[in-house]
Amino acid sequence: MKKDMKKEIYVVIPAYNEERIIKKVIDELKQAGYSNIIVVDDGSKDRTYDIVSKLDVISLKHVINRGQGAALKTGIDYALKKGAKIIVTFDADGQHSVDDIRKLIGPVAKNQVDIALGSRFLGRKSNIPFSRKVFLKAGAFLIFLMYGIKLTDSHNGIRAMSGKAAEKIEMTSNRMEHASEILEQIKEKKLRYMEIPVTIKYTDYSKLKGQSTMNAFRIFLKMVFNKLTR
């Protein structure tokens, strides 16, 4: 990847109570050459914003906790105002690999697709808990039934999209159901997409911070309800 190209890439990180690991995540991104890093603190109750505000990144803050979807929208909107050509969404809990960003950006930069979605079920296997695997696979089947989009992974926070695609995607869900909303928007706006193999690192910390199986079930129920009531 050309160095000049990285100047047009913005990495958006929604963060909530991530004081233990946020600096490490940012340091790894910087070491990989990504300088346009936007961290949106979503009303954290710990020192997340204090830590981020002292680093050489764009630090934004929600006064109250609004949800990951709202934090992503804040960051994406800001990146678009700055003229981002490509926007990458990246989780703050350390479960994503910086090396995967290059693989996601590639087909977007070459104009092969409008958005590249990370999948933990392609390529090298991730040490995913069995219950999570069942729900993600069930979610992928449900998304196909509802939107006609074929995926192997229904809820992965690492993705890359062109600035033009980001402008077309209308995010209204403040919380975790935003991931399904993005997929619905891909279908409605006829955006070109593909899945890219990524590695998800399941550590004790990321498991603690991640969605519980019950909460994932609630998200799917809300997704179905929203679809049926529109």
Protein backbone atom coordinates (compact mmCIF):
# COMPACT_ATOMS: atom_id res chain seq x y z
CA MET A 1 0.00 0.00 0.00
CA LYS A 2 1.33 3.44 -0.93
CA LYS A 3 2.18 5.70 2.00
CA ASP A 4 0.23 8.59 0.46
CA MET A 5 -2.87 6.42 0.34
CA LYS A 6 -2.84 5.92 4.10
CA LYS A 7 -3.37 9.67 4.49
CA GLU A 8 -6.80 9.24 2.90
CA ILE A 9 -7.77 6.37 5.22
CA TYR A 10 -9.57 7.08 8.49
CA VAL A 11 -9.89 4.46 11.21
CA VAL A 12 -12.97 4.94 13.41
CA ILE A 13 -12.92 3.34 16.86
CA PRO A 14 -16.00 3.42 19.12
CA ALA A 15 -14.87 3.06 22.73
CA TYR A 16 -16.66 2.52 26.03
CA ASN A 17 -14.72 1.89 29.26
CA GLU A 18 -11.57 0.71 27.47
CA GLU A 19 -8.90 2.35 29.65
CA ARG A 20 -7.03 -0.96 30.03
CA ILE A 21 -6.30 -1.50 26.35
CA ILE A 22 -7.15 1.53 24.21
CA LYS A 23 -3.58 2.88 24.15
CA LYS A 24 -2.23 -0.47 22.96
CA VAL A 25 -4.82 -0.58 20.16
CA ILE A 26 -3.91 2.95 19.05
CA ASP A 27 -0.17 2.29 19.27
CA GLU A 28 -0.51 -0.76 17.01
CA LEU A 29 -2.44 1.28 14.43
CA LYS A 30 0.19 4.02 14.47
CA GLN A 31 3.03 1.53 14.13
CA ALA A 32 1.28 0.18 11.03
CA GLY A 33 1.27 3.70 9.55
CA TYR A 34 -2.34 4.76 10.13
CA SER A 35 -2.31 8.39 11.27
CA ASN A 36 -5.96 9.38 10.84
CA ILE A 37 -7.42 7.66 13.88
CA ILE A 38 -10.77 8.79 15.29
CA VAL A 39 -11.70 7.52 18.74
CA VAL A 40 -15.26 8.21 19.86
CA ASP A 41 -15.60 7.83 23.61
CA ASP A 42 -19.20 6.80 24.16
CA GLY A 43 -19.74 8.27 27.62
CA SER A 44 -17.17 6.09 29.38
CA LYS A 45 -17.16 6.04 33.17
CA ASP A 46 -13.45 5.28 33.39
CA ARG A 47 -10.33 7.10 32.11
CA THR A 48 -10.75 6.14 28.44
CA TYR A 49 -11.22 9.71 27.20
CA ASP A 50 -8.44 11.10 29.42
CA ILE A 51 -6.01 8.57 27.95
CA VAL A 52 -7.10 9.08 24.34
CA SER A 53 -7.12 12.88 24.56
CA LYS A 54 -3.40 12.83 25.40
CA LEU A 55 -2.52 10.78 22.32
CA ASP A 56 -1.99 12.06 18.81
CA VAL A 57 -5.43 11.05 17.54
CA ILE A 58 -8.78 12.71 16.94
CA SER A 59 -10.69 12.27 20.21
CA LEU A 60 -14.45 12.83 20.26
CA LYS A 61 -16.77 12.29 23.20
CA HIS A 62 -20.43 11.58 23.86
CA VAL A 63 -21.57 13.10 27.13
CA ILE A 64 -23.73 10.05 27.82
CA ASN A 65 -23.52 6.43 26.70
CA ARG A 66 -25.54 6.23 23.48
CA GLY A 67 -24.37 2.92 22.06
CA GLN A 68 -21.84 1.61 19.58
CA GLY A 69 -23.97 2.47 16.56
CA ALA A 70 -24.20 6.11 17.62
CA ALA A 71 -20.45 6.25 18.30
CA LEU A 72 -19.69 4.81 14.86
CA LYS A 73 -21.98 7.33 13.18
CA THR A 74 -20.29 10.21 15.02
CA GLY A 75 -16.87 8.98 13.90
CA ILE A 76 -17.90 8.23 10.32
CA ASP A 77 -19.60 11.61 9.91
CA TYR A 78 -16.46 13.33 11.18
CA ALA A 79 -14.25 11.32 8.81
CA LEU A 80 -16.44 12.29 5.86
CA LYS A 81 -16.17 15.96 6.79
CA LYS A 82 -12.40 15.53 6.71
CA GLY A 83 -12.59 14.12 3.19
CA ALA A 84 -11.93 10.46 3.94
CA LYS A 85 -11.62 8.29 0.82
CA ILE A 86 -11.79 5.06 2.80
CA ILE A 87 -13.19 4.52 6.30
CA VAL A 88 -12.28 1.54 8.45
CA THR A 89 -14.29 0.59 11.54
CA PHE A 90 -12.24 -1.06 14.27
CA ASP A 91 -13.16 -2.28 17.76
CA ALA A 92 -11.45 -0.87 20.85
CA ASP A 93 -11.12 -4.10 22.85
CA GLY A 94 -8.06 -5.49 21.07
CA GLN A 95 -9.82 -8.36 19.31
CA HIS A 96 -9.04 -7.12 15.81
CA SER A 97 -5.71 -7.48 14.02
CA VAL A 98 -4.19 -4.37 12.47
CA ASP A 99 -2.74 -6.56 9.71
CA ASP A 100 -6.26 -7.31 8.48
CA ILE A 101 -6.93 -3.66 7.61
CA ARG A 102 -4.71 -3.84 4.54
CA LYS A 103 -6.64 -6.87 3.26
CA LEU A 104 -9.97 -5.09 3.72
CA ILE A 105 -8.81 -1.85 2.12
CA GLY A 106 -7.39 -3.52 -0.99
CA PRO A 107 -10.59 -4.30 -2.94
CA VAL A 108 -12.14 -0.96 -1.89
CA ALA A 109 -9.12 1.03 -3.06
CA LYS A 110 -9.16 -0.85 -6.38
CA ASN A 111 -12.89 -0.04 -6.77
CA GLN A 112 -13.77 -3.72 -6.87
CA VAL A 113 -16.33 -3.27 -4.08
CA ASP A 114 -17.92 -0.44 -2.11
CA ILE A 115 -17.53 -2.16 1.25
CA ALA A 116 -15.42 -5.05 2.51
CA LEU A 117 -16.72 -6.98 5.52
CA GLY A 118 -14.52 -8.98 7.85
CA SER A 119 -15.38 -12.65 8.41
CA ARG A 120 -13.95 -14.82 11.16
CA PHE A 121 -15.25 -17.93 9.39
CA LEU A 122 -13.13 -17.63 6.26
CA GLY A 123 -9.47 -18.61 6.09
CA ARG A 124 -7.72 -19.37 9.36
CA LYS A 125 -10.06 -20.46 12.12
CA SER A 126 -10.60 -18.22 15.15
CA ASN A 127 -10.92 -19.63 18.65
CA ILE A 128 -14.55 -18.62 18.76
CA PRO A 129 -16.72 -19.92 21.62
CA PHE A 130 -19.21 -22.52 20.38
CA SER A 131 -22.32 -20.64 21.56
CA ARG A 132 -21.18 -17.49 19.76
CA LYS A 133 -20.52 -19.46 16.58
CA VAL A 134 -24.05 -20.89 16.64
CA PHE A 135 -25.65 -17.46 17.02
CA LEU A 136 -23.48 -15.83 14.36
CA LYS A 137 -24.24 -18.58 11.88
CA ALA A 138 -27.94 -18.38 12.72
CA GLY A 139 -27.73 -14.63 12.28
CA ALA A 140 -26.12 -15.00 8.86
CA PHE A 141 -28.98 -17.29 7.80
CA LEU A 142 -31.54 -14.83 9.13
CA ILE A 143 -29.88 -11.95 7.27
CA PHE A 144 -30.08 -13.95 4.06
CA LEU A 145 -33.78 -14.61 4.60
CA MET A 146 -34.53 -10.96 5.43
CA TYR A 147 -32.23 -9.08 3.07
CA GLY A 148 -31.01 -11.59 0.52
CA ILE A 149 -27.36 -11.00 1.45
CA LYS A 150 -25.16 -14.10 1.62
CA LEU A 151 -22.61 -13.89 4.43
CA THR A 152 -20.62 -16.26 6.59
CA ASP A 153 -20.33 -13.82 9.51
CA SER A 154 -23.31 -11.75 10.62
CA HIS A 155 -21.76 -9.41 13.16
CA ASN A 156 -18.14 -8.37 12.73
CA GLY A 157 -16.97 -4.91 13.75
CA ILE A 158 -14.02 -4.66 11.34
CA ARG A 159 -14.94 -3.42 7.87
CA ALA A 160 -13.71 -0.97 5.24
CA MET A 161 -15.89 1.21 3.04
CA SER A 162 -15.37 3.91 0.48
CA GLY A 163 -16.28 7.46 1.42
CA LYS A 164 -19.02 7.39 -1.21
CA ALA A 165 -20.51 4.23 0.31
CA ALA A 166 -20.35 5.74 3.80
CA GLU A 167 -22.30 8.75 2.57
CA LYS A 168 -25.05 6.46 1.26
CA ILE A 169 -25.38 4.33 4.40
CA GLU A 170 -27.98 5.82 6.73
CA MET A 171 -27.39 4.66 10.29
CA THR A 172 -30.25 5.24 12.72
CA SER A 173 -29.70 2.45 15.27
CA ASN A 174 -27.73 3.70 18.25
CA ARG A 175 -26.83 0.34 19.71
CA MET A 176 -25.53 -3.03 18.53
CA GLU A 177 -28.24 -3.65 15.95
CA HIS A 178 -26.42 -1.10 13.76
CA ALA A 179 -24.43 -4.01 12.26
CA SER A 180 -27.61 -5.52 10.80
CA GLU A 181 -28.74 -2.08 9.70
CA ILE A 182 -25.54 -1.62 7.69
CA LEU A 183 -26.23 -4.90 5.89
CA GLU A 184 -29.77 -3.79 5.14
CA GLN A 185 -28.42 -0.55 3.73
CA ILE A 186 -25.99 -2.47 1.52
CA LYS A 187 -28.98 -4.26 0.01
CA GLU A 188 -31.21 -1.19 -0.31
CA LYS A 189 -28.50 1.06 -1.78
CA LYS A 190 -27.21 -1.74 -4.04
CA LEU A 191 -23.67 -1.42 -2.75
CA ARG A 192 -21.06 -3.89 -3.93
CA TYR A 193 -19.66 -5.97 -1.10
CA MET A 194 -17.44 -8.92 -0.32
CA GLU A 195 -16.22 -10.76 2.76
CA ILE A 196 -12.54 -10.86 3.65
CA PRO A 197 -10.98 -13.41 6.05
CA VAL A 198 -9.94 -11.76 9.34
CA THR A 199 -8.62 -13.02 12.64
CA ILE A 200 -10.57 -12.35 15.83
CA LYS A 201 -8.52 -12.67 19.00
CA TYR A 202 -10.67 -14.03 21.81
CA THR A 203 -8.87 -13.08 25.01
CA ASP A 204 -10.35 -13.12 28.49
CA TYR A 205 -10.67 -9.34 28.22
CA SER A 206 -12.37 -9.28 24.82
CA LYS A 207 -14.78 -12.03 25.92
CA LEU A 208 -15.65 -9.94 28.95
CA LYS A 209 -16.20 -6.83 26.84
CA GLY A 210 -18.01 -8.57 23.99
CA GLN A 211 -21.69 -9.24 23.57
CA SER A 212 -23.18 -11.99 25.73
CA THR A 213 -25.07 -14.75 23.97
CA MET A 214 -28.32 -13.52 25.50
CA ASN A 215 -27.69 -9.96 24.34
CA ALA A 216 -26.89 -11.24 20.84
CA PHE A 217 -30.25 -13.02 20.89
CA ARG A 218 -31.98 -9.76 21.87
CA ILE A 219 -30.26 -7.97 18.98
CA PHE A 220 -31.57 -10.53 16.49
CA LEU A 221 -35.08 -10.26 17.92
CA LYS A 222 -34.95 -6.47 17.64
CA MET A 223 -33.69 -6.77 14.09
CA VAL A 224 -36.67 -8.95 13.16
CA PHE A 225 -39.08 -6.64 14.95
CA ASN A 226 -37.73 -3.56 13.16
CA LYS A 227 -38.00 -5.32 9.82
CA LEU A 228 -41.58 -6.44 10.38
CA THR A 229 -42.79 -3.05 11.66
CA ARG A 230 -41.46 -0.99 8.75
